[in-house]
Amino acid sequence: MDKFNKIDKSDVLSSLCPTAEWVLRGEELEWLDTTQTQPTDSEITAEVTRLQSIYDNNQYQRDRQYAPIGDQLDMLWHSIDAGEFGDTAKQSEFYTAIAAVKAEFPKP
C-alpha cells in the first residue's frame, strides 16, 4: 500500500495469492500462475474492502508517533535525575547503569 492510502491491485493480489505469478501492466492483469486460480473481480473487490478496513482501523498507529527510543530514554534519565520520581528512582538499575557510563565517559 502506498503512503497515500490507495490500495492497488498489486496489494490485493499479493494478499490473496502471495505466491502466485502474475504481471500487472497498469490495470491489465496477466495471470501466469498455472497452479493457482486467478481471483475473480468480486474476490478482488472484497479484498480491497477488507484491506481498506484494516488500514482505516489502524489509523491510530500512524498517528501515534513517539520520539525515537534513544530520545525517550534520555527524557527518562533527565526526569529521574531531576528527582521527578523521588529519590528511590535514582537507585534503580536503569539510573545507576547510565550514571556509571556518564561518570566513566564524561562530556568534554
PDB file of N, CA and C in Angstrom:
ATOM      1  N   MET A   1       0.840  -1.167   0.000  1.00  0.00           N
ATOM      2  CA  MET A   1       0.000   0.000   0.000  1.00  0.00           C
ATOM      3  C   MET A   1       0.885   1.230   0.000  1.00  0.00           C
ATOM      4  N   ASP A   2       0.549   2.189  -0.785  1.00  0.00           N
ATOM      5  CA  ASP A   2       1.397   3.370  -0.820  1.00  0.00           C
ATOM      6  C   ASP A   2       1.037   4.324   0.310  1.00  0.00           C
ATOM      7  N   LYS A   3       1.823   5.362   0.451  1.00  0.00           N
ATOM      8  CA  LYS A   3       1.652   6.284   1.563  1.00  0.00           C
ATOM      9  C   LYS A   3       0.397   7.131   1.458  1.00  0.00           C
ATOM     10  N   PHE A   4      -0.287   7.078   0.340  1.00  0.00           N
ATOM     11  CA  PHE A   4      -1.480   7.894   0.162  1.00  0.00           C
ATOM     12  C   PHE A   4      -2.763   7.106   0.384  1.00  0.00           C
ATOM     13  N   ASN A   5      -2.665   5.917   1.006  1.00  0.00           N
ATOM     14  CA  ASN A   5      -3.835   5.144   1.371  1.00  0.00           C
ATOM     15  C   ASN A   5      -4.569   4.588   0.157  1.00  0.00           C
ATOM     16  N   LYS A   6      -3.880   4.384  -0.934  1.00  0.00           N
ATOM     17  CA  LYS A   6      -4.522   3.810  -2.119  1.00  0.00           C
ATOM     18  C   LYS A   6      -4.158   2.334  -2.190  1.00  0.00           C
ATOM     19  N   ILE A   7      -5.141   1.512  -2.002  1.00  0.00           N
ATOM     20  CA  ILE A   7      -4.924   0.076  -2.108  1.00  0.00           C
ATOM     21  C   ILE A   7      -5.031  -0.260  -3.587  1.00  0.00           C
ATOM     22  N   ASP A   8      -3.947  -0.741  -4.147  1.00  0.00           N
ATOM     23  CA  ASP A   8      -3.979  -1.029  -5.577  1.00  0.00           C
ATOM     24  C   ASP A   8      -4.079  -2.537  -5.819  1.00  0.00           C
ATOM     25  N   LYS A   9      -4.230  -2.868  -7.062  1.00  0.00           N
ATOM     26  CA  LYS A   9      -4.461  -4.255  -7.449  1.00  0.00           C
ATOM     27  C   LYS A   9      -3.295  -5.161  -7.039  1.00  0.00           C
ATOM     28  N   SER A  10      -2.084  -4.647  -7.101  1.00  0.00           N
ATOM     29  CA  SER A  10      -0.939  -5.468  -6.707  1.00  0.00           C
ATOM     30  C   SER A  10      -0.983  -5.794  -5.215  1.00  0.00           C
ATOM     31  N   ASP A  11      -1.445  -4.848  -4.378  1.00  0.00           N
ATOM     32  CA  ASP A  11      -1.620  -5.121  -2.948  1.00  0.00           C
ATOM     33  C   ASP A  11      -2.616  -6.253  -2.739  1.00  0.00           C
ATOM     34  N   VAL A  12      -3.717  -6.172  -3.474  1.00  0.00           N
ATOM     35  CA  VAL A  12      -4.785  -7.160  -3.339  1.00  0.00           C
ATOM     36  C   VAL A  12      -4.310  -8.540  -3.807  1.00  0.00           C
ATOM     37  N   LEU A  13      -3.655  -8.583  -4.957  1.00  0.00           N
ATOM     38  CA  LEU A  13      -3.175  -9.865  -5.483  1.00  0.00           C
ATOM     39  C   LEU A  13      -2.128 -10.486  -4.562  1.00  0.00           C
ATOM     40  N   SER A  14      -1.260  -9.660  -4.018  1.00  0.00           N
ATOM     41  CA  SER A  14      -0.254 -10.159  -3.081  1.00  0.00           C
ATOM     42  C   SER A  14      -0.892 -10.689  -1.808  1.00  0.00           C
ATOM     43  N   SER A  15      -1.993 -10.094  -1.403  1.00  0.00           N
ATOM     44  CA  SER A  15      -2.704 -10.543  -0.217  1.00  0.00           C
ATOM     45  C   SER A  15      -3.468 -11.840  -0.477  1.00  0.00           C
ATOM     46  N   LEU A  16      -4.175 -11.889  -1.604  1.00  0.00           N
ATOM     47  CA  LEU A  16      -4.983 -13.068  -1.923  1.00  0.00           C
ATOM     48  C   LEU A  16      -4.149 -14.281  -2.337  1.00  0.00           C
ATOM     49  N   CYS A  17      -3.110 -14.038  -3.100  1.00  0.00           N
ATOM     50  CA  CYS A  17      -2.293 -15.128  -3.665  1.00  0.00           C
ATOM     51  C   CYS A  17      -0.815 -14.757  -3.528  1.00  0.00           C
ATOM     52  N   PRO A  18      -0.274 -14.828  -2.319  1.00  0.00           N
ATOM     53  CA  PRO A  18       1.083 -14.319  -2.095  1.00  0.00           C
ATOM     54  C   PRO A  18       2.182 -15.035  -2.886  1.00  0.00           C
ATOM     55  N   THR A  19       1.942 -16.263  -3.322  1.00  0.00           N
ATOM     56  CA  THR A  19       2.981 -16.991  -4.058  1.00  0.00           C
ATOM     57  C   THR A  19       2.678 -17.101  -5.550  1.00  0.00           C
ATOM     58  N   ALA A  20       1.608 -16.478  -5.971  1.00  0.00           N
ATOM     59  CA  ALA A  20       1.206 -16.585  -7.378  1.00  0.00           C
ATOM     60  C   ALA A  20       2.141 -15.784  -8.288  1.00  0.00           C
ATOM     61  N   GLU A  21       2.175 -16.199  -9.534  1.00  0.00           N
ATOM     62  CA  GLU A  21       2.946 -15.484 -10.551  1.00  0.00           C
ATOM     63  C   GLU A  21       1.983 -14.731 -11.451  1.00  0.00           C
ATOM     64  N   TRP A  22       2.221 -13.446 -11.585  1.00  0.00           N
ATOM     65  CA  TRP A  22       1.378 -12.588 -12.402  1.00  0.00           C
ATOM     66  C   TRP A  22       2.142 -11.334 -12.773  1.00  0.00           C
ATOM     67  N   VAL A  23       1.643 -10.649 -13.781  1.00  0.00           N
ATOM     68  CA  VAL A  23       2.215  -9.378 -14.217  1.00  0.00           C
ATOM     69  C   VAL A  23       1.070  -8.388 -14.326  1.00  0.00           C
ATOM     70  N   LEU A  24       1.297  -7.204 -13.816  1.00  0.00           N
ATOM     71  CA  LEU A  24       0.287  -6.154 -13.874  1.00  0.00           C
ATOM     72  C   LEU A  24       0.867  -4.994 -14.666  1.00  0.00           C
ATOM     73  N   ARG A  25       0.226  -4.677 -15.767  1.00  0.00           N
ATOM     74  CA  ARG A  25       0.628  -3.549 -16.612  1.00  0.00           C
ATOM     75  C   ARG A  25      -0.498  -2.528 -16.558  1.00  0.00           C
ATOM     76  N   GLY A  26      -0.273  -1.510 -15.736  1.00  0.00           N
ATOM     77  CA  GLY A  26      -1.372  -0.579 -15.494  1.00  0.00           C
ATOM     78  C   GLY A  26      -2.445  -1.324 -14.720  1.00  0.00           C
ATOM     79  N   GLU A  27      -3.635  -1.397 -15.278  1.00  0.00           N
ATOM     80  CA  GLU A  27      -4.718  -2.167 -14.665  1.00  0.00           C
ATOM     81  C   GLU A  27      -4.908  -3.525 -15.354  1.00  0.00           C
ATOM     82  N   GLU A  28      -4.106  -3.793 -16.350  1.00  0.00           N
ATOM     83  CA  GLU A  28      -4.216  -5.038 -17.119  1.00  0.00           C
ATOM     84  C   GLU A  28      -3.416  -6.144 -16.429  1.00  0.00           C
ATOM     85  N   LEU A  29      -4.118  -7.187 -15.999  1.00  0.00           N
ATOM     86  CA  LEU A  29      -3.512  -8.300 -15.296  1.00  0.00           C
ATOM     87  C   LEU A  29      -3.272  -9.461 -16.239  1.00  0.00           C
ATOM     88  N   GLU A  30      -2.049  -9.965 -16.238  1.00  0.00           N
ATOM     89  CA  GLU A  30      -1.733 -11.188 -16.972  1.00  0.00           C
ATOM     90  C   GLU A  30      -1.399 -12.247 -15.928  1.00  0.00           C
ATOM     91  N   TRP A  31      -2.243 -13.258 -15.830  1.00  0.00           N
ATOM     92  CA  TRP A  31      -2.081 -14.317 -14.840  1.00  0.00           C
ATOM     93  C   TRP A  31      -1.153 -15.388 -15.409  1.00  0.00           C
ATOM     94  N   LEU A  32      -0.030 -15.586 -14.773  1.00  0.00           N
ATOM     95  CA  LEU A  32       0.979 -16.522 -15.259  1.00  0.00           C
ATOM     96  C   LEU A  32       1.000 -17.832 -14.467  1.00  0.00           C
ATOM     97  N   ASP A  33       0.360 -17.837 -13.335  1.00  0.00           N
ATOM     98  CA  ASP A  33       0.421 -18.999 -12.451  1.00  0.00           C
ATOM     99  C   ASP A  33      -0.430 -20.150 -12.986  1.00  0.00           C
ATOM    100  N   THR A  34       0.160 -21.320 -13.048  1.00  0.00           N
ATOM    101  CA  THR A  34      -0.563 -22.490 -13.560  1.00  0.00           C
ATOM    102  C   THR A  34      -1.120 -23.356 -12.439  1.00  0.00           C
ATOM    103  N   THR A  35      -0.784 -23.053 -11.196  1.00  0.00           N
ATOM    104  CA  THR A  35      -1.281 -23.859 -10.082  1.00  0.00           C
ATOM    105  C   THR A  35      -2.364 -23.163  -9.270  1.00  0.00           C
ATOM    106  N   GLN A  36      -2.404 -21.851  -9.331  1.00  0.00           N
ATOM    107  CA  GLN A  36      -3.410 -21.103  -8.585  1.00  0.00           C
ATOM    108  C   GLN A  36      -4.379 -20.427  -9.547  1.00  0.00           C
ATOM    109  N   THR A  37      -5.616 -20.355  -9.128  1.00  0.00           N
ATOM    110  CA  THR A  37      -6.646 -19.733  -9.941  1.00  0.00           C
ATOM    111  C   THR A  37      -6.628 -18.227  -9.747  1.00  0.00           C
ATOM    112  N   GLN A  38      -6.796 -17.516 -10.837  1.00  0.00           N
ATOM    113  CA  GLN A  38      -6.851 -16.059 -10.781  1.00  0.00           C
ATOM    114  C   GLN A  38      -8.078 -15.633  -9.972  1.00  0.00           C
ATOM    115  N   PRO A  39      -7.922 -14.686  -9.038  1.00  0.00           N
ATOM    116  CA  PRO A  39      -9.075 -14.221  -8.272  1.00  0.00           C
ATOM    117  C   PRO A  39     -10.110 -13.556  -9.180  1.00  0.00           C
ATOM    118  N   THR A  40     -11.366 -13.726  -8.824  1.00  0.00           N
ATOM    119  CA  THR A  40     -12.446 -13.101  -9.584  1.00  0.00           C
ATOM    120  C   THR A  40     -12.527 -11.617  -9.221  1.00  0.00           C
ATOM    121  N   ASP A  41     -13.246 -10.861 -10.027  1.00  0.00           N
ATOM    122  CA  ASP A  41     -13.442  -9.437  -9.734  1.00  0.00           C
ATOM    123  C   ASP A  41     -14.115  -9.244  -8.379  1.00  0.00           C
ATOM    124  N   SER A  42     -15.069 -10.108  -8.047  1.00  0.00           N
ATOM    125  CA  SER A  42     -15.755  -9.963  -6.757  1.00  0.00           C
ATOM    126  C   SER A  42     -14.812 -10.301  -5.593  1.00  0.00           C
ATOM    127  N   GLU A  43     -13.908 -11.254  -5.774  1.00  0.00           N
ATOM    128  CA  GLU A  43     -12.922 -11.560  -4.739  1.00  0.00           C
ATOM    129  C   GLU A  43     -11.956 -10.392  -4.555  1.00  0.00           C
ATOM    130  N   ILE A  44     -11.581  -9.784  -5.658  1.00  0.00           N
ATOM    131  CA  ILE A  44     -10.689  -8.624  -5.603  1.00  0.00           C
ATOM    132  C   ILE A  44     -11.375  -7.457  -4.904  1.00  0.00           C
ATOM    133  N   THR A  45     -12.624  -7.195  -5.250  1.00  0.00           N
ATOM    134  CA  THR A  45     -13.378  -6.111  -4.624  1.00  0.00           C
ATOM    135  C   THR A  45     -13.530  -6.347  -3.126  1.00  0.00           C
ATOM    136  N   ALA A  46     -13.846  -7.586  -2.746  1.00  0.00           N
ATOM    137  CA  ALA A  46     -13.997  -7.912  -1.322  1.00  0.00           C
ATOM    138  C   ALA A  46     -12.675  -7.726  -0.578  1.00  0.00           C
ATOM    139  N   GLU A  47     -11.571  -8.085  -1.224  1.00  0.00           N
ATOM    140  CA  GLU A  47     -10.262  -7.936  -0.579  1.00  0.00           C
ATOM    141  C   GLU A  47      -9.879  -6.465  -0.454  1.00  0.00           C
ATOM    142  N   VAL A  48     -10.225  -5.644  -1.446  1.00  0.00           N
ATOM    143  CA  VAL A  48      -9.990  -4.205  -1.336  1.00  0.00           C
ATOM    144  C   VAL A  48     -10.721  -3.670  -0.105  1.00  0.00           C
ATOM    145  N   THR A  49     -11.972  -4.065   0.054  1.00  0.00           N
ATOM    146  CA  THR A  49     -12.771  -3.624   1.197  1.00  0.00           C
ATOM    147  C   THR A  49     -12.147  -4.085   2.507  1.00  0.00           C
ATOM    148  N   ARG A  50     -11.696  -5.323   2.552  1.00  0.00           N
ATOM    149  CA  ARG A  50     -11.082  -5.861   3.773  1.00  0.00           C
ATOM    150  C   ARG A  50      -9.788  -5.123   4.108  1.00  0.00           C
ATOM    151  N   LEU A  51      -8.918  -4.948   3.116  1.00  0.00           N
ATOM    152  CA  LEU A  51      -7.652  -4.273   3.348  1.00  0.00           C
ATOM    153  C   LEU A  51      -7.860  -2.808   3.731  1.00  0.00           C
ATOM    154  N   GLN A  52      -8.844  -2.156   3.107  1.00  0.00           N
ATOM    155  CA  GLN A  52      -9.137  -0.756   3.444  1.00  0.00           C
ATOM    156  C   GLN A  52      -9.626  -0.649   4.879  1.00  0.00           C
ATOM    157  N   SER A  53     -10.442  -1.590   5.301  1.00  0.00           N
ATOM    158  CA  SER A  53     -10.947  -1.589   6.672  1.00  0.00           C
ATOM    159  C   SER A  53      -9.806  -1.749   7.668  1.00  0.00           C
ATOM    160  N   ILE A  54      -8.893  -2.649   7.380  1.00  0.00           N
ATOM    161  CA  ILE A  54      -7.725  -2.831   8.255  1.00  0.00           C
ATOM    162  C   ILE A  54      -6.910  -1.544   8.309  1.00  0.00           C
ATOM    163  N   TYR A  55      -6.671  -0.969   7.145  1.00  0.00           N
ATOM    164  CA  TYR A  55      -5.897   0.276   7.072  1.00  0.00           C
ATOM    165  C   TYR A  55      -6.575   1.381   7.880  1.00  0.00           C
ATOM    166  N   ASP A  56      -7.862   1.554   7.672  1.00  0.00           N
ATOM    167  CA  ASP A  56      -8.608   2.611   8.359  1.00  0.00           C
ATOM    168  C   ASP A  56      -8.631   2.388   9.873  1.00  0.00           C
ATOM    169  N   ASN A  57      -8.808   1.141  10.297  1.00  0.00           N
ATOM    170  CA  ASN A  57      -8.890   0.835  11.724  1.00  0.00           C
ATOM    171  C   ASN A  57      -7.553   0.998  12.441  1.00  0.00           C
ATOM    172  N   ASN A  58      -6.471   1.085  11.711  1.00  0.00           N
ATOM    173  CA  ASN A  58      -5.147   1.240  12.317  1.00  0.00           C
ATOM    174  C   ASN A  58      -4.588   2.650  12.155  1.00  0.00           C
ATOM    175  N   GLN A  59      -5.463   3.611  11.905  1.00  0.00           N
ATOM    176  CA  GLN A  59      -5.020   4.996  11.749  1.00  0.00           C
ATOM    177  C   GLN A  59      -4.271   5.475  12.983  1.00  0.00           C
ATOM    178  N   TYR A  60      -4.729   5.041  14.155  1.00  0.00           N
ATOM    179  CA  TYR A  60      -4.066   5.479  15.380  1.00  0.00           C
ATOM    180  C   TYR A  60      -2.591   5.088  15.397  1.00  0.00           C
ATOM    181  N   GLN A  61      -2.239   3.968  14.768  1.00  0.00           N
ATOM    182  CA  GLN A  61      -0.837   3.558  14.726  1.00  0.00           C
ATOM    183  C   GLN A  61      -0.002   4.520  13.889  1.00  0.00           C
ATOM    184  N   ARG A  62      -0.591   5.040  12.847  1.00  0.00           N
ATOM    185  CA  ARG A  62       0.126   6.003  12.011  1.00  0.00           C
ATOM    186  C   ARG A  62       0.195   7.371  12.684  1.00  0.00           C
ATOM    187  N   ASP A  63      -0.826   7.697  13.479  1.00  0.00           N
ATOM    188  CA  ASP A  63      -0.873   8.990  14.154  1.00  0.00           C
ATOM    189  C   ASP A  63       0.001   9.020  15.409  1.00  0.00           C
ATOM    190  N   ARG A  64       0.125   7.881  16.062  1.00  0.00           N
ATOM    191  CA  ARG A  64       0.826   7.811  17.347  1.00  0.00           C
ATOM    192  C   ARG A  64       2.319   7.579  17.108  1.00  0.00           C
ATOM    193  N   GLN A  65       3.009   8.657  16.839  1.00  0.00           N
ATOM    194  CA  GLN A  65       4.444   8.584  16.586  1.00  0.00           C
ATOM    195  C   GLN A  65       5.195   9.101  17.811  1.00  0.00           C
ATOM    196  N   TYR A  66       5.906   8.212  18.450  1.00  0.00           N
ATOM    197  CA  TYR A  66       6.702   8.585  19.614  1.00  0.00           C
ATOM    198  C   TYR A  66       8.078   9.047  19.177  1.00  0.00           C
ATOM    199  N   ALA A  67       8.751   9.694  20.092  1.00  0.00           N
ATOM    200  CA  ALA A  67      10.139  10.079  19.855  1.00  0.00           C
ATOM    201  C   ALA A  67      10.970   8.802  19.719  1.00  0.00           C
ATOM    202  N   PRO A  68      12.099   8.866  19.032  1.00  0.00           N
ATOM    203  CA  PRO A  68      12.967   7.692  18.935  1.00  0.00           C
ATOM    204  C   PRO A  68      13.334   7.185  20.335  1.00  0.00           C
ATOM    205  N   ILE A  69      13.566   5.895  20.459  1.00  0.00           N
ATOM    206  CA  ILE A  69      13.794   5.264  21.763  1.00  0.00           C
ATOM    207  C   ILE A  69      14.956   5.919  22.512  1.00  0.00           C
ATOM    208  N   GLY A  70      15.997   6.299  21.797  1.00  0.00           N
ATOM    209  CA  GLY A  70      17.112   6.965  22.461  1.00  0.00           C
ATOM    210  C   GLY A  70      16.684   8.266  23.119  1.00  0.00           C
ATOM    211  N   ASP A  71      15.841   9.018  22.437  1.00  0.00           N
ATOM    212  CA  ASP A  71      15.328  10.273  22.995  1.00  0.00           C
ATOM    213  C   ASP A  71      14.421  10.004  24.194  1.00  0.00           C
ATOM    214  N   GLN A  72      13.617   8.930  24.116  1.00  0.00           N
ATOM    215  CA  GLN A  72      12.740   8.583  25.230  1.00  0.00           C
ATOM    216  C   GLN A  72      13.561   8.233  26.471  1.00  0.00           C
ATOM    217  N   LEU A  73      14.623   7.459  26.265  1.00  0.00           N
ATOM    218  CA  LEU A  73      15.468   7.074  27.392  1.00  0.00           C
ATOM    219  C   LEU A  73      16.180   8.288  27.976  1.00  0.00           C
ATOM    220  N   ASP A  74      16.577   9.207  27.125  1.00  0.00           N
ATOM    221  CA  ASP A  74      17.214  10.429  27.606  1.00  0.00           C
ATOM    222  C   ASP A  74      16.228  11.256  28.437  1.00  0.00           C
ATOM    223  N   MET A  75      14.976  11.340  27.977  1.00  0.00           N
ATOM    224  CA  MET A  75      13.964  12.070  28.743  1.00  0.00           C
ATOM    225  C   MET A  75      13.743  11.410  30.108  1.00  0.00           C
ATOM    226  N   LEU A  76      13.710  10.074  30.112  1.00  0.00           N
ATOM    227  CA  LEU A  76      13.534   9.344  31.376  1.00  0.00           C
ATOM    228  C   LEU A  76      14.705   9.610  32.309  1.00  0.00           C
ATOM    229  N   TRP A  77      15.918   9.526  31.767  1.00  0.00           N
ATOM    230  CA  TRP A  77      17.117   9.794  32.570  1.00  0.00           C
ATOM    231  C   TRP A  77      17.025  11.176  33.217  1.00  0.00           C
ATOM    232  N   HIS A  78      16.729  12.187  32.425  1.00  0.00           N
ATOM    233  CA  HIS A  78      16.685  13.553  32.950  1.00  0.00           C
ATOM    234  C   HIS A  78      15.556  13.738  33.960  1.00  0.00           C
ATOM    235  N   SER A  79      14.451  13.052  33.775  1.00  0.00           N
ATOM    236  CA  SER A  79      13.357  13.134  34.748  1.00  0.00           C
ATOM    237  C   SER A  79      13.771  12.519  36.081  1.00  0.00           C
ATOM    238  N   ILE A  80      14.428  11.367  36.021  1.00  0.00           N
ATOM    239  CA  ILE A  80      14.906  10.733  37.253  1.00  0.00           C
ATOM    240  C   ILE A  80      15.969  11.614  37.906  1.00  0.00           C
ATOM    241  N   ASP A  81      16.898  12.107  37.095  1.00  0.00           N
ATOM    242  CA  ASP A  81      17.992  12.931  37.602  1.00  0.00           C
ATOM    243  C   ASP A  81      17.469  14.201  38.268  1.00  0.00           C
ATOM    244  N   ALA A  82      16.383  14.731  37.752  1.00  0.00           N
ATOM    245  CA  ALA A  82      15.783  15.942  38.322  1.00  0.00           C
ATOM    246  C   ALA A  82      14.940  15.643  39.558  1.00  0.00           C
ATOM    247  N   GLY A  83      14.800  14.372  39.908  1.00  0.00           N
ATOM    248  CA  GLY A  83      14.046  13.995  41.102  1.00  0.00           C
ATOM    249  C   GLY A  83      12.547  13.924  40.899  1.00  0.00           C
ATOM    250  N   GLU A  84      12.091  13.874  39.657  1.00  0.00           N
ATOM    251  CA  GLU A  84      10.647  13.865  39.396  1.00  0.00           C
ATOM    252  C   GLU A  84       9.947  12.600  39.892  1.00  0.00           C
ATOM    253  N   PHE A  85      10.707  11.543  40.151  1.00  0.00           N
ATOM    254  CA  PHE A  85      10.119  10.281  40.608  1.00  0.00           C
ATOM    255  C   PHE A  85      10.528   9.970  42.049  1.00  0.00           C
ATOM    256  N   GLY A  86      11.088  10.926  42.710  1.00  0.00           N
ATOM    257  CA  GLY A  86      11.569  10.715  44.074  1.00  0.00           C
ATOM    258  C   GLY A  86      12.988  10.172  44.059  1.00  0.00           C
ATOM    259  N   ASP A  87      13.574  10.084  45.240  1.00  0.00           N
ATOM    260  CA  ASP A  87      14.967   9.662  45.343  1.00  0.00           C
ATOM    261  C   ASP A  87      15.162   8.170  45.089  1.00  0.00           C
ATOM    262  N   THR A  88      14.147   7.363  45.297  1.00  0.00           N
ATOM    263  CA  THR A  88      14.326   5.918  45.104  1.00  0.00           C
ATOM    264  C   THR A  88      14.576   5.569  43.637  1.00  0.00           C
ATOM    265  N   ALA A  89      14.089   6.377  42.714  1.00  0.00           N
ATOM    266  CA  ALA A  89      14.309   6.105  41.287  1.00  0.00           C
ATOM    267  C   ALA A  89      15.790   6.178  40.943  1.00  0.00           C
ATOM    268  N   LYS A  90      16.541   6.989  41.697  1.00  0.00           N
ATOM    269  CA  LYS A  90      17.976   7.098  41.449  1.00  0.00           C
ATOM    270  C   LYS A  90      18.731   5.844  41.895  1.00  0.00           C
ATOM    271  N   GLN A  91      18.056   4.951  42.574  1.00  0.00           N
ATOM    272  CA  GLN A  91      18.666   3.690  42.992  1.00  0.00           C
ATOM    273  C   GLN A  91      18.340   2.563  42.013  1.00  0.00           C
ATOM    274  N   SER A  92      17.552   2.880  40.999  1.00  0.00           N
ATOM    275  CA  SER A  92      17.156   1.845  40.031  1.00  0.00           C
ATOM    276  C   SER A  92      18.348   1.402  39.191  1.00  0.00           C
ATOM    277  N   GLU A  93      18.270   0.190  38.702  1.00  0.00           N
ATOM    278  CA  GLU A  93      19.328  -0.351  37.841  1.00  0.00           C
ATOM    279  C   GLU A  93      19.495   0.508  36.587  1.00  0.00           C
ATOM    280  N   PHE A  94      18.383   0.983  36.048  1.00  0.00           N
ATOM    281  CA  PHE A  94      18.422   1.853  34.866  1.00  0.00           C
ATOM    282  C   PHE A  94      19.284   3.079  35.144  1.00  0.00           C
ATOM    283  N   TYR A  95      18.972   3.771  36.228  1.00  0.00           N
ATOM    284  CA  TYR A  95      19.669   5.022  36.533  1.00  0.00           C
ATOM    285  C   TYR A  95      21.130   4.775  36.876  1.00  0.00           C
ATOM    286  N   THR A  96      21.398   3.792  37.722  1.00  0.00           N
ATOM    287  CA  THR A  96      22.780   3.569  38.162  1.00  0.00           C
ATOM    288  C   THR A  96      23.666   3.100  37.009  1.00  0.00           C
ATOM    289  N   ALA A  97      23.123   2.312  36.090  1.00  0.00           N
ATOM    290  CA  ALA A  97      23.922   1.854  34.947  1.00  0.00           C
ATOM    291  C   ALA A  97      24.286   3.030  34.042  1.00  0.00           C
ATOM    292  N   ILE A  98      23.340   3.903  33.793  1.00  0.00           N
ATOM    293  CA  ILE A  98      23.617   5.065  32.939  1.00  0.00           C
ATOM    294  C   ILE A  98      24.535   6.041  33.669  1.00  0.00           C
ATOM    295  N   ALA A  99      24.320   6.224  34.956  1.00  0.00           N
ATOM    296  CA  ALA A  99      25.175   7.128  35.736  1.00  0.00           C
ATOM    297  C   ALA A  99      26.624   6.645  35.703  1.00  0.00           C
ATOM    298  N   ALA A 100      26.823   5.335  35.756  1.00  0.00           N
ATOM    299  CA  ALA A 100      28.182   4.779  35.720  1.00  0.00           C
ATOM    300  C   ALA A 100      28.859   5.081  34.386  1.00  0.00           C
ATOM    301  N   VAL A 101      28.136   4.940  33.296  1.00  0.00           N
ATOM    302  CA  VAL A 101      28.701   5.240  31.966  1.00  0.00           C
ATOM    303  C   VAL A 101      29.008   6.730  31.857  1.00  0.00           C
ATOM    304  N   LYS A 102      28.072   7.571  32.324  1.00  0.00           N
ATOM    305  CA  LYS A 102      28.297   9.015  32.259  1.00  0.00           C
ATOM    306  C   LYS A 102      29.500   9.420  33.103  1.00  0.00           C
ATOM    307  N   ALA A 103      29.679   8.768  34.241  1.00  0.00           N
ATOM    308  CA  ALA A 103      30.819   9.094  35.117  1.00  0.00           C
ATOM    309  C   ALA A 103      32.138   8.652  34.485  1.00  0.00           C
ATOM    310  N   GLU A 104      32.117   7.477  33.860  1.00  0.00           N
ATOM    311  CA  GLU A 104      33.347   6.961  33.262  1.00  0.00           C
ATOM    312  C   GLU A 104      33.732   7.726  31.995  1.00  0.00           C
ATOM    313  N   PHE A 105      32.738   8.186  31.262  1.00  0.00           N
ATOM    314  CA  PHE A 105      32.978   8.893  29.996  1.00  0.00           C
ATOM    315  C   PHE A 105      32.241  10.234  29.999  1.00  0.00           C
ATOM    316  N   PRO A 106      32.734  11.200  30.769  1.00  0.00           N
ATOM    317  CA  PRO A 106      32.039  12.490  30.841  1.00  0.00           C
ATOM    318  C   PRO A 106      32.125  13.256  29.522  1.00  0.00           C
ATOM    319  N   LYS A 107      31.201  14.182  29.355  1.00  0.00           N
ATOM    320  CA  LYS A 107      31.247  15.050  28.175  1.00  0.00           C
ATOM    321  C   LYS A 107      32.494  15.919  28.250  1.00  0.00           C
ATOM    322  N   PRO A 108      33.100  16.207  27.115  1.00  0.00           N
ATOM    323  CA  PRO A 108      34.292  17.073  27.139  1.00  0.00           C
ATOM    324  C   PRO A 108      33.945  18.498  27.516  1.00  0.00           C
TER     325      PRO A 108
END
